[in-house]
C-alpha atoms as a PDB file:
ATOM      1  CA  MET A   1      20.359  -0.405  37.324  1.00  0.00           C
ATOM      2  CA  ILE A   2      17.431   1.717  38.463  1.00  0.00           C
ATOM      3  CA  SER A   3      17.636   3.691  41.696  1.00  0.00           C
ATOM      4  CA  VAL A   4      14.210   4.265  43.265  1.00  0.00           C
ATOM      5  CA  ILE A   5      14.219   7.040  45.864  1.00  0.00           C
ATOM      6  CA  ILE A   6      11.427   6.935  48.433  1.00  0.00           C
ATOM      7  CA  PRO A   7      11.154   9.842  50.909  1.00  0.00           C
ATOM      8  CA  VAL A   8       9.473   8.767  54.144  1.00  0.00           C
ATOM      9  CA  TYR A   9       7.782  10.957  56.724  1.00  0.00           C
ATOM     10  CA  ASN A  10       5.181   9.732  59.232  1.00  0.00           C
ATOM     11  CA  VAL A  11       3.526   7.220  56.929  1.00  0.00           C
ATOM     12  CA  GLU A  12       3.523   4.118  59.122  1.00  0.00           C
ATOM     13  CA  LYS A  13      -0.029   3.374  57.976  1.00  0.00           C
ATOM     14  CA  TYR A  14       0.930   3.130  54.282  1.00  0.00           C
ATOM     15  CA  LEU A  15       4.675   2.414  54.169  1.00  0.00           C
ATOM     16  CA  ARG A  16       4.572  -1.392  54.172  1.00  0.00           C
ATOM     17  CA  HIS A  17       2.136  -1.413  51.245  1.00  0.00           C
ATOM     18  CA  CYS A  18       4.506   0.805  49.284  1.00  0.00           C
ATOM     19  CA  LEU A  19       7.595  -1.267  50.102  1.00  0.00           C
ATOM     20  CA  GLU A  20       5.877  -4.578  49.347  1.00  0.00           C
ATOM     21  CA  SER A  21       5.089  -3.228  45.882  1.00  0.00           C
ATOM     22  CA  MET A  22       8.799  -2.516  45.416  1.00  0.00           C
ATOM     23  CA  VAL A  23      10.108  -5.936  46.478  1.00  0.00           C
ATOM     24  CA  ALA A  24       7.527  -7.477  44.113  1.00  0.00           C
ATOM     25  CA  GLN A  25       8.919  -5.664  41.046  1.00  0.00           C
ATOM     26  CA  THR A  26       9.629  -7.889  38.041  1.00  0.00           C
ATOM     27  CA  TYR A  27      12.640  -5.689  37.170  1.00  0.00           C
ATOM     28  CA  ARG A  28      15.283  -7.088  39.508  1.00  0.00           C
ATOM     29  CA  GLU A  29      18.179  -4.630  39.100  1.00  0.00           C
ATOM     30  CA  LEU A  30      16.698  -2.174  41.569  1.00  0.00           C
ATOM     31  CA  GLU A  31      18.425  -0.054  44.172  1.00  0.00           C
ATOM     32  CA  ILE A  32      15.802   1.167  46.653  1.00  0.00           C
ATOM     33  CA  ILE A  33      16.825   4.137  48.790  1.00  0.00           C
ATOM     34  CA  LEU A  34      14.550   4.974  51.725  1.00  0.00           C
ATOM     35  CA  VAL A  35      15.049   8.469  53.122  1.00  0.00           C
ATOM     36  CA  ASP A  36      13.495   8.814  56.564  1.00  0.00           C
ATOM     37  CA  ASP A  37      13.000  12.564  56.775  1.00  0.00           C
ATOM     38  CA  GLY A  38      12.843  12.864  60.564  1.00  0.00           C
ATOM     39  CA  SER A  39       9.701  10.764  61.102  1.00  0.00           C
ATOM     40  CA  THR A  40       8.229  10.836  64.622  1.00  0.00           C
ATOM     41  CA  ASP A  41       6.180   7.641  64.235  1.00  0.00           C
ATOM     42  CA  SER A  42       7.411   4.098  63.516  1.00  0.00           C
ATOM     43  CA  SER A  43       8.216   4.814  59.846  1.00  0.00           C
ATOM     44  CA  GLY A  44      11.976   4.893  60.511  1.00  0.00           C
ATOM     45  CA  LEU A  45      11.840   1.507  62.213  1.00  0.00           C
ATOM     46  CA  ILE A  46       9.934   0.036  59.269  1.00  0.00           C
ATOM     47  CA  CYS A  47      12.628   1.381  56.916  1.00  0.00           C
ATOM     48  CA  ASP A  48      15.341  -0.326  58.986  1.00  0.00           C
ATOM     49  CA  GLU A  49      13.337  -3.559  59.049  1.00  0.00           C
ATOM     50  CA  TYR A  50      13.154  -3.755  55.246  1.00  0.00           C
ATOM     51  CA  ALA A  51      16.800  -2.709  54.854  1.00  0.00           C
ATOM     52  CA  ARG A  52      17.849  -5.648  57.061  1.00  0.00           C
ATOM     53  CA  GLN A  53      15.614  -8.039  55.142  1.00  0.00           C
ATOM     54  CA  TYR A  54      16.539  -7.047  51.560  1.00  0.00           C
ATOM     55  CA  ASP A  55      20.080  -6.451  50.252  1.00  0.00           C
ATOM     56  CA  ASN A  56      18.946  -3.931  47.627  1.00  0.00           C
ATOM     57  CA  ILE A  57      17.213  -1.638  50.145  1.00  0.00           C
ATOM     58  CA  THR A  58      19.134   1.091  51.964  1.00  0.00           C
ATOM     59  CA  ALA A  59      17.625   3.079  54.832  1.00  0.00           C
ATOM     60  CA  CYS A  60      18.907   6.610  55.450  1.00  0.00           C
ATOM     61  CA  HIS A  61      17.865   8.806  58.368  1.00  0.00           C
ATOM     62  CA  LYS A  62      18.085  12.607  58.428  1.00  0.00           C
ATOM     63  CA  ASP A  63      16.602  15.654  60.110  1.00  0.00           C
ATOM     64  CA  ASN A  64      13.342  16.858  58.611  1.00  0.00           C
ATOM     65  CA  GLY A  65      13.925  19.039  55.579  1.00  0.00           C
ATOM     66  CA  GLY A  66      10.840  18.495  53.444  1.00  0.00           C
ATOM     67  CA  LEU A  67      10.068  16.361  50.401  1.00  0.00           C
ATOM     68  CA  SER A  68      12.421  18.132  47.969  1.00  0.00           C
ATOM     69  CA  ASP A  69      15.344  17.938  50.370  1.00  0.00           C
ATOM     70  CA  ALA A  70      14.711  14.226  50.996  1.00  0.00           C
ATOM     71  CA  ARG A  71      14.560  13.489  47.269  1.00  0.00           C
ATOM     72  CA  ASN A  72      17.819  15.375  46.634  1.00  0.00           C
ATOM     73  CA  TYR A  73      19.406  13.552  49.579  1.00  0.00           C
ATOM     74  CA  GLY A  74      18.494  10.184  48.102  1.00  0.00           C
ATOM     75  CA  LEU A  75      19.509  11.232  44.584  1.00  0.00           C
ATOM     76  CA  ALA A  76      22.994  12.191  45.794  1.00  0.00           C
ATOM     77  CA  ARG A  77      23.397   8.696  47.272  1.00  0.00           C
ATOM     78  CA  SER A  78      22.033   6.777  44.285  1.00  0.00           C
ATOM     79  CA  SER A  79      24.205   4.875  41.811  1.00  0.00           C
ATOM     80  CA  GLY A  80      21.794   3.686  39.111  1.00  0.00           C
ATOM     81  CA  GLU A  81      21.976   4.740  35.471  1.00  0.00           C
ATOM     82  CA  TYR A  82      18.239   5.437  35.780  1.00  0.00           C
ATOM     83  CA  VAL A  83      16.415   7.209  38.601  1.00  0.00           C
ATOM     84  CA  ALA A  84      12.801   7.132  39.807  1.00  0.00           C
ATOM     85  CA  PHE A  85      10.967   8.758  42.699  1.00  0.00           C
ATOM     86  CA  LEU A  86       8.106   7.173  44.627  1.00  0.00           C
ATOM     87  CA  ASP A  87       6.063   8.689  47.443  1.00  0.00           C
ATOM     88  CA  SER A  88       5.750   6.403  50.451  1.00  0.00           C
ATOM     89  CA  ASP A  89       1.941   6.455  50.609  1.00  0.00           C
ATOM     90  CA  ASP A  90       1.616   5.326  46.964  1.00  0.00           C
ATOM     91  CA  TRP A  91       2.582   2.049  45.297  1.00  0.00           C
ATOM     92  CA  ALA A  92       3.675   0.573  41.981  1.00  0.00           C
ATOM     93  CA  GLU A  93       2.277  -2.213  39.861  1.00  0.00           C
ATOM     94  CA  PRO A  94       4.681  -5.219  39.746  1.00  0.00           C
ATOM     95  CA  GLU A  95       5.813  -4.585  36.162  1.00  0.00           C
ATOM     96  CA  MET A  96       6.037  -0.781  36.381  1.00  0.00           C
ATOM     97  CA  TYR A  97       9.809  -0.313  36.218  1.00  0.00           C
ATOM     98  CA  GLU A  98      10.372  -3.196  33.817  1.00  0.00           C
ATOM     99  CA  ARG A  99       7.909  -1.636  31.384  1.00  0.00           C
ATOM    100  CA  LEU A 100       9.288   1.907  31.786  1.00  0.00           C
ATOM    101  CA  HIS A 101      12.888   0.772  31.395  1.00  0.00           C
ATOM    102  CA  GLY A 102      12.052  -1.367  28.375  1.00  0.00           C
ATOM    103  CA  ALA A 103      10.307   1.548  26.672  1.00  0.00           C
ATOM    104  CA  MET A 104      13.251   3.867  27.324  1.00  0.00           C
ATOM    105  CA  VAL A 105      15.722   1.393  25.815  1.00  0.00           C
ATOM    106  CA  THR A 106      13.525   0.484  22.846  1.00  0.00           C
ATOM    107  CA  HIS A 107      12.814   4.091  21.882  1.00  0.00           C
ATOM    108  CA  ASP A 108      16.130   5.584  23.059  1.00  0.00           C
ATOM    109  CA  ALA A 109      14.250   8.070  25.247  1.00  0.00           C
ATOM    110  CA  ASP A 110      15.598  10.143  28.136  1.00  0.00           C
ATOM    111  CA  ILE A 111      12.385   9.939  30.167  1.00  0.00           C
ATOM    112  CA  ALA A 112       9.618   7.331  30.309  1.00  0.00           C
ATOM    113  CA  VAL A 113       6.133   8.072  31.680  1.00  0.00           C
ATOM    114  CA  CYS A 114       3.199   5.794  32.451  1.00  0.00           C
ATOM    115  CA  ASN A 115      -0.493   6.279  33.066  1.00  0.00           C
ATOM    116  CA  HIS A 116      -1.760   5.747  36.628  1.00  0.00           C
ATOM    117  CA  TYR A 117      -4.658   4.732  38.821  1.00  0.00           C
ATOM    118  CA  VAL A 118      -6.247   7.171  41.280  1.00  0.00           C
ATOM    119  CA  HIS A 119      -7.492   5.910  44.656  1.00  0.00           C
ATOM    120  CA  GLN A 120      -9.804   8.215  46.591  1.00  0.00           C
ATOM    121  CA  ASP A 121     -12.509   7.535  49.173  1.00  0.00           C
ATOM    122  CA  GLY A 122     -12.292   3.802  48.533  1.00  0.00           C
ATOM    123  CA  LYS A 123     -12.792   4.185  44.785  1.00  0.00           C
ATOM    124  CA  LYS A 124     -10.317   3.331  42.016  1.00  0.00           C
ATOM    125  CA  SER A 125     -10.226   5.045  38.634  1.00  0.00           C
ATOM    126  CA  VAL A 126      -7.841   5.411  35.700  1.00  0.00           C
ATOM    127  CA  ASN A 127      -6.347   8.875  35.304  1.00  0.00           C
ATOM    128  CA  LYS A 128      -6.520   8.881  31.498  1.00  0.00           C
ATOM    129  CA  HIS A 129      -8.452   6.617  29.140  1.00  0.00           C
ATOM    130  CA  PHE A 130      -6.915   5.760  25.758  1.00  0.00           C
ATOM    131  CA  ASP A 131      -8.102   3.410  23.028  1.00  0.00           C
ATOM    132  CA  LYS A 132      -4.549   2.659  21.875  1.00  0.00           C
ATOM    133  CA  ARG A 133      -2.067   0.825  24.098  1.00  0.00           C
ATOM    134  CA  GLU A 134       1.079   1.425  22.031  1.00  0.00           C
ATOM    135  CA  PRO A 135       3.824   3.676  23.459  1.00  0.00           C
ATOM    136  CA  LEU A 136       3.864   7.244  22.212  1.00  0.00           C
ATOM    137  CA  VAL A 137       7.193   8.983  21.568  1.00  0.00           C
ATOM    138  CA  LEU A 138       7.224  12.757  22.090  1.00  0.00           C
ATOM    139  CA  SER A 139       9.809  15.454  21.497  1.00  0.00           C
ATOM    140  CA  SER A 140      10.797  17.753  24.360  1.00  0.00           C
ATOM    141  CA  ASP A 141       8.403  20.484  23.208  1.00  0.00           C
ATOM    142  CA  GLU A 142       5.564  18.029  22.617  1.00  0.00           C
ATOM    143  CA  ALA A 143       6.012  16.619  26.122  1.00  0.00           C
ATOM    144  CA  LEU A 144       5.981  20.130  27.629  1.00  0.00           C
ATOM    145  CA  GLU A 145       2.813  20.976  25.736  1.00  0.00           C
ATOM    146  CA  SER A 146       1.246  17.750  26.993  1.00  0.00           C
ATOM    147  CA  VAL A 147       2.021  18.622  30.617  1.00  0.00           C
ATOM    148  CA  LEU A 148       0.796  22.207  30.316  1.00  0.00           C
ATOM    149  CA  SER A 149      -2.397  21.032  28.609  1.00  0.00           C
ATOM    150  CA  ASN A 150      -2.748  17.899  30.766  1.00  0.00           C
ATOM    151  CA  VAL A 151      -3.283  15.820  27.629  1.00  0.00           C
ATOM    152  CA  TYR A 152      -1.242  12.666  28.219  1.00  0.00           C
ATOM    153  CA  PHE A 153       0.427  13.064  31.595  1.00  0.00           C
ATOM    154  CA  SER A 154       0.791  15.509  34.465  1.00  0.00           C
ATOM    155  CA  TYR A 155       3.625  16.993  36.536  1.00  0.00           C
ATOM    156  CA  MET A 156       3.668  14.008  38.910  1.00  0.00           C
ATOM    157  CA  VAL A 157       7.233  12.647  39.142  1.00  0.00           C
ATOM    158  CA  ASN A 158       6.109   9.272  40.545  1.00  0.00           C
ATOM    159  CA  THR A 159       4.919   8.109  37.121  1.00  0.00           C
ATOM    160  CA  LYS A 160       8.298   8.731  35.484  1.00  0.00           C
ATOM    161  CA  LEU A 161      11.691   7.122  34.998  1.00  0.00           C
ATOM    162  CA  TYR A 162      14.649   9.407  34.251  1.00  0.00           C
ATOM    163  CA  LYS A 163      18.152   9.004  32.953  1.00  0.00           C
ATOM    164  CA  ARG A 164      20.309   9.839  35.947  1.00  0.00           C
ATOM    165  CA  ARG A 165      22.149  12.757  34.333  1.00  0.00           C
ATOM    166  CA  ILE A 166      18.895  14.627  33.695  1.00  0.00           C
ATOM    167  CA  ALA A 167      17.749  14.307  37.300  1.00  0.00           C
ATOM    168  CA  LEU A 168      21.152  15.463  38.562  1.00  0.00           C
ATOM    169  CA  GLU A 169      21.084  18.543  36.322  1.00  0.00           C
ATOM    170  CA  THR A 170      17.683  19.651  37.668  1.00  0.00           C
ATOM    171  CA  PRO A 171      17.553  19.071  41.451  1.00  0.00           C
ATOM    172  CA  PHE A 172      14.343  19.737  43.361  1.00  0.00           C
ATOM    173  CA  VAL A 173      13.915  23.239  44.765  1.00  0.00           C
ATOM    174  CA  LYS A 174      14.021  22.939  48.538  1.00  0.00           C
ATOM    175  CA  GLY A 175      11.188  24.425  50.602  1.00  0.00           C
ATOM    176  CA  LEU A 176       8.419  24.225  47.988  1.00  0.00           C
ATOM    177  CA  LEU A 177       5.116  22.422  47.983  1.00  0.00           C
ATOM    178  CA  PHE A 178       4.152  21.219  44.503  1.00  0.00           C
ATOM    179  CA  GLU A 179       7.850  20.928  43.651  1.00  0.00           C
ATOM    180  CA  ASP A 180       6.917  18.632  40.740  1.00  0.00           C
ATOM    181  CA  ILE A 181       5.457  21.644  38.887  1.00  0.00           C
ATOM    182  CA  VAL A 182       8.995  23.053  38.623  1.00  0.00           C
ATOM    183  CA  PHE A 183      10.981  19.797  38.430  1.00  0.00           C
ATOM    184  CA  THR A 184       9.024  18.125  35.620  1.00  0.00           C
ATOM    185  CA  PRO A 185       9.219  20.973  33.052  1.00  0.00           C
ATOM    186  CA  SER A 186      12.901  21.438  33.947  1.00  0.00           C
ATOM    187  CA  THR A 187      13.661  17.781  33.162  1.00  0.00           C
ATOM    188  CA  LEU A 188      11.556  17.804  29.992  1.00  0.00           C
ATOM    189  CA  LEU A 189      13.585  20.778  28.758  1.00  0.00           C
ATOM    190  CA  LYS A 190      16.739  18.658  29.132  1.00  0.00           C
ATOM    191  CA  ALA A 191      15.303  15.591  27.374  1.00  0.00           C
ATOM    192  CA  LYS A 192      15.656  14.906  23.674  1.00  0.00           C
ATOM    193  CA  SER A 193      12.656  12.589  23.656  1.00  0.00           C
ATOM    194  CA  VAL A 194      10.040  11.185  26.040  1.00  0.00           C
ATOM    195  CA  VAL A 195       8.118   7.922  25.715  1.00  0.00           C
ATOM    196  CA  TYR A 196       4.625   7.648  27.177  1.00  0.00           C
ATOM    197  CA  LEU A 197       2.907   4.371  28.089  1.00  0.00           C
ATOM    198  CA  PRO A 198      -0.921   4.608  28.145  1.00  0.00           C
ATOM    199  CA  GLU A 199      -1.259   1.634  30.494  1.00  0.00           C
ATOM    200  CA  PRO A 200      -1.659   2.490  34.218  1.00  0.00           C
ATOM    201  CA  LEU A 201       1.333   1.155  36.165  1.00  0.00           C
ATOM    202  CA  PHE A 202       1.341   3.424  39.212  1.00  0.00           C
ATOM    203  CA  ASN A 203      -1.179   3.866  42.034  1.00  0.00           C
ATOM    204  CA  TYR A 204      -1.764   7.364  43.404  1.00  0.00           C
ATOM    205  CA  ARG A 205      -3.487   7.645  46.763  1.00  0.00           C
ATOM    206  CA  ILE A 206      -5.381  10.885  47.481  1.00  0.00           C
ATOM    207  CA  ARG A 207      -5.656  11.601  51.186  1.00  0.00           C
ATOM    208  CA  LYS A 208      -7.935  14.217  52.678  1.00  0.00           C
ATOM    209  CA  ASN A 209      -6.254  17.495  53.582  1.00  0.00           C
ATOM    210  CA  SER A 210      -7.128  19.936  56.324  1.00  0.00           C
ATOM    211  CA  ILE A 211      -8.608  23.355  55.505  1.00  0.00           C
ATOM    212  CA  SER A 212      -5.424  25.157  56.531  1.00  0.00           C
ATOM    213  CA  HIS A 213      -3.383  22.833  54.330  1.00  0.00           C
ATOM    214  CA  THR A 214      -5.715  23.537  51.426  1.00  0.00           C
ATOM    215  CA  LEU A 215      -5.097  27.277  51.740  1.00  0.00           C
ATOM    216  CA  LYS A 216      -1.346  26.735  51.981  1.00  0.00           C
ATOM    217  CA  GLN A 217      -1.564  24.659  48.823  1.00  0.00           C
ATOM    218  CA  LEU A 218      -3.199  27.585  47.041  1.00  0.00           C
ATOM    219  CA  TYR A 219      -0.365  29.920  47.997  1.00  0.00           C
ATOM    220  CA  GLU A 220       2.300  27.412  47.010  1.00  0.00           C
ATOM    221  CA  ALA A 221       0.635  26.401  43.741  1.00  0.00           C
ATOM    222  CA  THR A 222       0.653  30.055  42.741  1.00  0.00           C
ATOM    223  CA  ARG A 223       4.298  30.552  43.676  1.00  0.00           C
ATOM    224  CA  VAL A 224       5.682  27.447  41.960  1.00  0.00           C
ATOM    225  CA  ARG A 225       3.843  28.230  38.735  1.00  0.00           C
ATOM    226  CA  GLU A 226       5.493  31.643  38.683  1.00  0.00           C
ATOM    227  CA  ILE A 227       8.895  29.934  39.031  1.00  0.00           C
ATOM    228  CA  ARG A 228       7.980  27.430  36.331  1.00  0.00           C
ATOM    229  CA  ASN A 229       6.775  30.147  33.965  1.00  0.00           C
ATOM    230  CA  SER A 230      10.035  32.083  34.319  1.00  0.00           C
ATOM    231  CA  ILE A 231      11.944  28.929  33.294  1.00  0.00           C
ATOM    232  CA  ILE A 232       9.708  28.197  30.300  1.00  0.00           C
ATOM    233  CA  ILE A 233       9.676  31.828  29.117  1.00  0.00           C
ATOM    234  CA  LYS A 234      13.480  31.807  29.185  1.00  0.00           C
ATOM    235  CA  GLU A 235      14.020  28.400  27.571  1.00  0.00           C
ATOM    236  CA  ARG A 236      10.925  27.997  25.337  1.00  0.00           C
ATOM    237  CA  PRO A 237       9.337  31.447  24.798  1.00  0.00           C
ATOM    238  CA  GLU A 238       7.014  30.002  22.150  1.00  0.00           C
ATOM    239  CA  LEU A 239       5.295  27.979  24.901  1.00  0.00           C
ATOM    240  CA  ALA A 240       4.826  30.984  27.200  1.00  0.00           C
ATOM    241  CA  PRO A 241       1.153  31.612  26.193  1.00  0.00           C
ATOM    242  CA  LEU A 242       0.250  28.012  27.054  1.00  0.00           C
ATOM    243  CA  ALA A 243       2.078  28.220  30.400  1.00  0.00           C
ATOM    244  CA  ILE A 244       0.337  31.499  31.258  1.00  0.00           C
ATOM    245  CA  GLN A 245      -3.087  30.090  30.366  1.00  0.00           C
ATOM    246  CA  GLU A 246      -2.468  27.035  32.546  1.00  0.00           C
ATOM    247  CA  TYR A 247      -1.432  29.319  35.406  1.00  0.00           C
ATOM    248  CA  LYS A 248      -4.613  31.392  35.109  1.00  0.00           C
ATOM    249  CA  SER A 249      -6.837  28.327  34.942  1.00  0.00           C
ATOM    250  CA  ALA A 250      -5.168  26.804  37.994  1.00  0.00           C
ATOM    251  CA  PHE A 251      -5.394  30.041  39.995  1.00  0.00           C
ATOM    252  CA  PHE A 252      -9.088  30.602  39.370  1.00  0.00           C
ATOM    253  CA  GLY A 253      -9.983  26.923  39.761  1.00  0.00           C
ATOM    254  CA  GLN A 254      -8.175  26.490  43.072  1.00  0.00           C
ATOM    255  CA  THR A 255      -9.292  29.857  44.430  1.00  0.00           C
ATOM    256  CA  HIS A 256     -12.898  29.031  43.611  1.00  0.00           C
ATOM    257  CA  ALA A 257     -12.616  25.704  45.440  1.00  0.00           C
ATOM    258  CA  VAL A 258     -11.094  27.272  48.560  1.00  0.00           C
ATOM    259  CA  SER A 259     -13.526  30.228  48.549  1.00  0.00           C
ATOM    260  CA  LYS A 260     -16.391  27.877  49.384  1.00  0.00           C
ATOM    261  CA  ASP A 261     -15.244  28.041  53.024  1.00  0.00           C
ATOM    262  CA  ILE A 262     -16.113  31.455  54.478  1.00  0.00           C
ATOM    263  CA  ARG A 263     -13.421  31.073  57.148  1.00  0.00           C
ATOM    264  CA  LEU A 264     -10.779  31.580  54.444  1.00  0.00           C
ATOM    265  CA  PHE A 265     -12.245  34.670  52.780  1.00  0.00           C
ATOM    266  CA  ALA A 266      -9.820  37.181  54.315  1.00  0.00           C
ATOM    267  CA  GLN A 267      -6.751  35.133  53.316  1.00  0.00           C
ATOM    268  CA  ILE A 268      -8.008  34.723  49.749  1.00  0.00           C
ATOM    269  CA  ARG A 269      -8.470  38.457  49.486  1.00  0.00           C
ATOM    270  CA  ARG A 270      -4.780  39.025  50.225  1.00  0.00           C
ATOM    271  CA  MET A 271      -3.788  36.864  47.237  1.00  0.00           C
ATOM    272  CA  VAL A 272      -5.532  39.029  44.658  1.00  0.00           C
ATOM    273  CA  PRO A 273      -3.004  41.939  44.527  1.00  0.00           C
ATOM    274  CA  THR A 274      -0.110  39.503  43.977  1.00  0.00           C
ATOM    275  CA  PHE A 275      -1.921  37.867  41.089  1.00  0.00           C
ATOM    276  CA  GLN A 276      -2.808  41.260  39.594  1.00  0.00           C
ATOM    277  CA  VAL A 277       0.832  42.374  39.732  1.00  0.00           C
ATOM    278  CA  TRP A 278       1.876  39.148  37.991  1.00  0.00           C
ATOM    279  CA  CYS A 279      -0.686  39.795  35.235  1.00  0.00           C
ATOM    280  CA  THR A 280       0.612  43.351  34.752  1.00  0.00           C
ATOM    281  CA  VAL A 281       4.283  42.355  34.653  1.00  0.00           C
ATOM    282  CA  ASN A 282       3.617  39.593  32.111  1.00  0.00           C
ATOM    283  CA  ASP A 283       1.133  41.587  29.983  1.00  0.00           C
ATOM    284  CA  VAL A 284      -1.586  39.032  30.699  1.00  0.00           C
ATOM    285  CA  ILE A 285      -5.007  39.914  29.328  1.00  0.00           C
ATOM    286  CA  LEU A 286      -7.907  38.898  31.577  1.00  0.00           C
ATOM    287  CA  SER A 287     -11.359  38.056  30.279  1.00  0.00           C
ATOM    288  CA  ALA A 288     -14.464  39.818  31.576  1.00  0.00           C
ATOM    289  CA  TRP A 289     -15.308  36.747  33.664  1.00  0.00           C
ATOM    290  CA  GLU A 290     -11.807  36.651  35.182  1.00  0.00           C
ATOM    291  CA  LYS A 291     -12.029  40.350  36.066  1.00  0.00           C
ATOM    292  CA  ARG A 292     -15.387  39.767  37.756  1.00  0.00           C
ATOM    293  CA  GLN A 293     -13.891  36.894  39.724  1.00  0.00           C
ATOM    294  CA  LEU A 294     -11.010  39.049  40.928  1.00  0.00           C
ATOM    295  CA  TRP A 295     -13.463  41.751  42.018  1.00  0.00           C
ATOM    296  CA  ARG A 296     -15.466  39.111  43.868  1.00  0.00           C
ATOM    297  CA  TYR A 297     -12.388  37.766  45.630  1.00  0.00           C
ATOM    298  CA  SER A 298     -11.327  41.330  46.539  1.00  0.00           C
ATOM    299  CA  HIS A 299     -14.697  41.958  48.195  1.00  0.00           C
ATOM    300  CA  ILE A 300     -15.272  38.435  49.428  1.00  0.00           C
ATOM    301  CA  PRO A 301     -15.083  39.263  53.180  1.00  0.00           C
ATOM    302  CA  LEU A 302     -18.210  41.374  52.729  1.00  0.00           C
ATOM    303  CA  PHE A 303     -20.007  38.436  51.112  1.00  0.00           C
ATOM    304  CA  GLY A 304     -18.770  36.226  53.920  1.00  0.00           C
ATOM    305  CA  TYR A 305     -20.224  38.593  56.506  1.00  0.00           C
ATOM    306  CA  VAL A 306     -23.589  38.613  54.723  1.00  0.00           C
ATOM    307  CA  LEU A 307     -23.569  34.824  54.355  1.00  0.00           C
ATOM    308  CA  GLY A 308     -22.720  34.480  58.028  1.00  0.00           C
ATOM    309  CA  ILE A 309     -25.708  36.650  59.040  1.00  0.00           C
ATOM    310  CA  LYS A 310     -27.989  34.644  56.769  1.00  0.00           C
ATOM    311  CA  ARG A 311     -26.845  31.387  58.308  1.00  0.00           C
ATOM    312  CA  ARG A 312     -27.396  32.650  61.835  1.00  0.00           C
ATOM    313  CA  ILE A 313     -30.889  33.900  60.956  1.00  0.00           C
ATOM    314  CA  LYS A 314     -31.713  30.542  59.360  1.00  0.00           C
ATOM    315  CA  MET A 315     -30.504  28.644  62.430  1.00  0.00           C
ATOM    316  CA  LEU A 316     -32.500  30.958  64.748  1.00  0.00           C
ATOM    317  CA  PHE A 317     -35.599  30.503  62.616  1.00  0.00           C
ATOM    318  CA  SER A 318     -35.179  26.712  62.744  1.00  0.00           C
ATOM    319  CA  CYS A 319     -34.970  26.814  66.541  1.00  0.00           C
ATOM    320  CA  LEU A 320     -38.114  28.954  66.791  1.00  0.00           C
ATOM    321  CA  VAL A 321     -40.036  26.589  64.534  1.00  0.00           C
ATOM    322  CA  VAL A 322     -39.073  23.607  66.681  1.00  0.00           C
END
């Protein structure tokens, strides 16, 4: 049996779509555990409605503790030999768990992963495009390298099916955003082999975030990668250079994206010393471009002030012309 754990928090707009995709699964030996994490909208009522209607759905209600806490709560109450996690604003293709389970059994793998669709701004795209459709079997190290390089699949737990013992040995770290960045490498380290299915079987919905949430994401993405790196350096030191490079790329990419909003310049500046200390402690060598970027972020409030003056002058000039 497969236990599918679905944390729920204020998603009344999307929850029914998610749950309908679960009751439509072609794999019938499913235990669906809904964890209402203190929702203040009608999400909890929807959970109870489906639990009354379907014998294999259980609705649990708890005080809000965050996504990791809700997933651990559901995991502790699951009974399946296999475990999956699904976010309540996403949905699965009808054959998703049948295909993942079949691949795990056929290839005697500890974890199965599928490709996925991305839905954003009304558009649908495939995350990865592959010419071959046959399953690919990877060792633990090969799977870790794939995640760090984003070759076949990402950190996202929703695209994966786990043997229960592996999920129990590596619980989610409570209080983190981007908890998948720690959980996924931890589970891959425990696995003997991983099977990857190139066909998209999961649907990932990207919702717009607020500016403040975007900045919080930057802080959290930096922190969880430091936790992840400490685990990889301890367990697989040969993969440390790849983990460090991924961390650098993520830091500069996300910081660049957030720095486009001048209202966040001061907060970005405060992140630079922490990153510099991490580089020093881990003997990380920065390129000339990366050093220039750090200098720019350190002095970015000054640029913001200048840009602000320029904008005000431009607006004043436009008014005078009119």
